[in-house]
């Protein structure tokens, strides 16, 4: 899976992320630097294992969504580690 950030009005590709955690870190830094308006006209998509594209979130909701998904991913990974250990 990988994630892509796009600018909606122009449909220009903006960035690509290998994980939701990377997307959360990069987008959080961009919003702190440029303000929440940075995300106003953007959307984030994920490409699944089959290569299918799915909308994750749009606009300012992207940051909240990626932070929630990254936290869920970390909890899931920690749970898998506990089962192995």
C-alpha atoms as a PDB file:
ATOM      1  CA  UNK A   1       0.000   0.000   0.000  1.00  0.00           C
ATOM      2  CA  UNK A   2       1.031   3.569  -0.562  1.00  0.00           C
ATOM      3  CA  UNK A   3      -0.603   6.970  -0.220  1.00  0.00           C
ATOM      4  CA  UNK A   4      -0.719   9.986  -2.527  1.00  0.00           C
ATOM      5  CA  UNK A   5      -1.644  13.595  -1.837  1.00  0.00           C
ATOM      6  CA  UNK A   6      -3.297  15.503  -4.687  1.00  0.00           C
ATOM      7  CA  UNK A   7      -4.368  19.101  -5.252  1.00  0.00           C
ATOM      8  CA  UNK A   8      -8.061  18.991  -6.140  1.00  0.00           C
ATOM      9  CA  UNK A   9      -8.717  21.973  -8.440  1.00  0.00           C
ATOM     10  CA  UNK A  10      -5.630  21.365 -10.584  1.00  0.00           C
ATOM     11  CA  UNK A  11      -5.448  17.569 -10.097  1.00  0.00           C
ATOM     12  CA  UNK A  12      -1.695  17.976  -9.592  1.00  0.00           C
ATOM     13  CA  UNK A  13       0.191  15.268  -7.736  1.00  0.00           C
ATOM     14  CA  UNK A  14       1.777  16.731  -4.582  1.00  0.00           C
ATOM     15  CA  UNK A  15       3.474  13.926  -2.635  1.00  0.00           C
ATOM     16  CA  UNK A  16       3.627  10.169  -2.051  1.00  0.00           C
ATOM     17  CA  UNK A  17       4.006   8.283   1.220  1.00  0.00           C
ATOM     18  CA  UNK A  18       4.992   4.680   1.871  1.00  0.00           C
ATOM     19  CA  UNK A  19       2.947   4.490   5.075  1.00  0.00           C
ATOM     20  CA  UNK A  20       0.163   6.277   6.886  1.00  0.00           C
ATOM     21  CA  UNK A  21       2.662   7.132   9.640  1.00  0.00           C
ATOM     22  CA  UNK A  22       4.891   8.919   7.117  1.00  0.00           C
ATOM     23  CA  UNK A  23       1.868  10.786   5.730  1.00  0.00           C
ATOM     24  CA  UNK A  24       0.855  11.867   9.241  1.00  0.00           C
ATOM     25  CA  UNK A  25       4.353  13.152  10.061  1.00  0.00           C
ATOM     26  CA  UNK A  26       4.847  15.038   6.787  1.00  0.00           C
ATOM     27  CA  UNK A  27       1.363  16.551   6.706  1.00  0.00           C
ATOM     28  CA  UNK A  28       1.513  17.564  10.375  1.00  0.00           C
ATOM     29  CA  UNK A  29       4.804  19.386   9.712  1.00  0.00           C
ATOM     30  CA  UNK A  30       3.354  21.079   6.604  1.00  0.00           C
ATOM     31  CA  UNK A  31       0.288  22.300   8.502  1.00  0.00           C
ATOM     32  CA  UNK A  32       2.455  23.610  11.351  1.00  0.00           C
ATOM     33  CA  UNK A  33       4.618  25.432   8.798  1.00  0.00           C
ATOM     34  CA  UNK A  34       1.934  26.688   6.372  1.00  0.00           C
ATOM     35  CA  UNK A  35      -1.276  26.603   8.431  1.00  0.00           C
ATOM     36  CA  UNK A  36      -4.370  24.412   8.071  1.00  0.00           C
ATOM     37  CA  UNK A  37      -5.329  26.143   4.830  1.00  0.00           C
ATOM     38  CA  UNK A  38      -2.541  24.115   3.216  1.00  0.00           C
ATOM     39  CA  UNK A  39      -4.945  21.151   3.075  1.00  0.00           C
ATOM     40  CA  UNK A  40      -8.065  23.020   1.950  1.00  0.00           C
ATOM     41  CA  UNK A  41      -7.992  21.943  -1.692  1.00  0.00           C
ATOM     42  CA  UNK A  42      -6.284  18.578  -1.311  1.00  0.00           C
ATOM     43  CA  UNK A  43      -7.267  14.943  -1.075  1.00  0.00           C
ATOM     44  CA  UNK A  44      -5.406  11.840   0.047  1.00  0.00           C
ATOM     45  CA  UNK A  45      -5.828   8.457  -1.619  1.00  0.00           C
ATOM     46  CA  UNK A  46      -4.493   5.017  -0.801  1.00  0.00           C
ATOM     47  CA  UNK A  47      -3.583   2.373  -3.338  1.00  0.00           C
ATOM     48  CA  UNK A  48      -4.251  -1.084  -1.917  1.00  0.00           C
ATOM     49  CA  UNK A  49      -2.398  -4.334  -2.627  1.00  0.00           C
ATOM     50  CA  UNK A  50      -4.498  -4.862  -5.765  1.00  0.00           C
ATOM     51  CA  UNK A  51      -3.582  -1.408  -7.083  1.00  0.00           C
ATOM     52  CA  UNK A  52      -7.074  -0.052  -6.469  1.00  0.00           C
ATOM     53  CA  UNK A  53      -7.346   3.620  -5.510  1.00  0.00           C
ATOM     54  CA  UNK A  54      -9.484   4.626  -2.500  1.00  0.00           C
ATOM     55  CA  UNK A  55     -10.188   8.068  -1.082  1.00  0.00           C
ATOM     56  CA  UNK A  56      -8.896   8.434   2.496  1.00  0.00           C
ATOM     57  CA  UNK A  57      -9.961  12.027   3.224  1.00  0.00           C
ATOM     58  CA  UNK A  58     -10.294  15.492   1.749  1.00  0.00           C
ATOM     59  CA  UNK A  59      -9.351  18.985   2.870  1.00  0.00           C
ATOM     60  CA  UNK A  60      -8.605  19.786   6.464  1.00  0.00           C
ATOM     61  CA  UNK A  61     -10.063  16.420   7.555  1.00  0.00           C
ATOM     62  CA  UNK A  62      -6.945  14.756   6.111  1.00  0.00           C
ATOM     63  CA  UNK A  63      -4.750  15.578   9.095  1.00  0.00           C
ATOM     64  CA  UNK A  64      -7.228  14.262  11.664  1.00  0.00           C
ATOM     65  CA  UNK A  65      -7.810  11.133   9.586  1.00  0.00           C
ATOM     66  CA  UNK A  66      -4.139  10.282   9.010  1.00  0.00           C
ATOM     67  CA  UNK A  67      -3.310  10.810  12.693  1.00  0.00           C
ATOM     68  CA  UNK A  68      -6.156   8.465  13.687  1.00  0.00           C
ATOM     69  CA  UNK A  69      -5.153   5.835  11.116  1.00  0.00           C
ATOM     70  CA  UNK A  70      -1.480   6.067  12.133  1.00  0.00           C
ATOM     71  CA  UNK A  71      -2.416   5.561  15.799  1.00  0.00           C
ATOM     72  CA  UNK A  72      -4.567   2.552  14.865  1.00  0.00           C
ATOM     73  CA  UNK A  73      -1.700   1.112  12.808  1.00  0.00           C
ATOM     74  CA  UNK A  74       0.731   1.510  15.727  1.00  0.00           C
ATOM     75  CA  UNK A  75      -1.707  -0.189  18.132  1.00  0.00           C
ATOM     76  CA  UNK A  76      -2.210  -3.022  15.663  1.00  0.00           C
ATOM     77  CA  UNK A  77       1.546  -3.477  15.215  1.00  0.00           C
ATOM     78  CA  UNK A  78       2.073  -3.461  18.989  1.00  0.00           C
ATOM     79  CA  UNK A  79      -0.633  -6.104  19.367  1.00  0.00           C
ATOM     80  CA  UNK A  80       1.059  -8.317  16.775  1.00  0.00           C
ATOM     81  CA  UNK A  81       4.392  -7.940  18.592  1.00  0.00           C
ATOM     82  CA  UNK A  82       2.819  -8.929  21.918  1.00  0.00           C
ATOM     83  CA  UNK A  83       1.333 -12.076  20.365  1.00  0.00           C
ATOM     84  CA  UNK A  84       4.707 -13.089  18.916  1.00  0.00           C
ATOM     85  CA  UNK A  85       6.661 -12.291  22.106  1.00  0.00           C
END
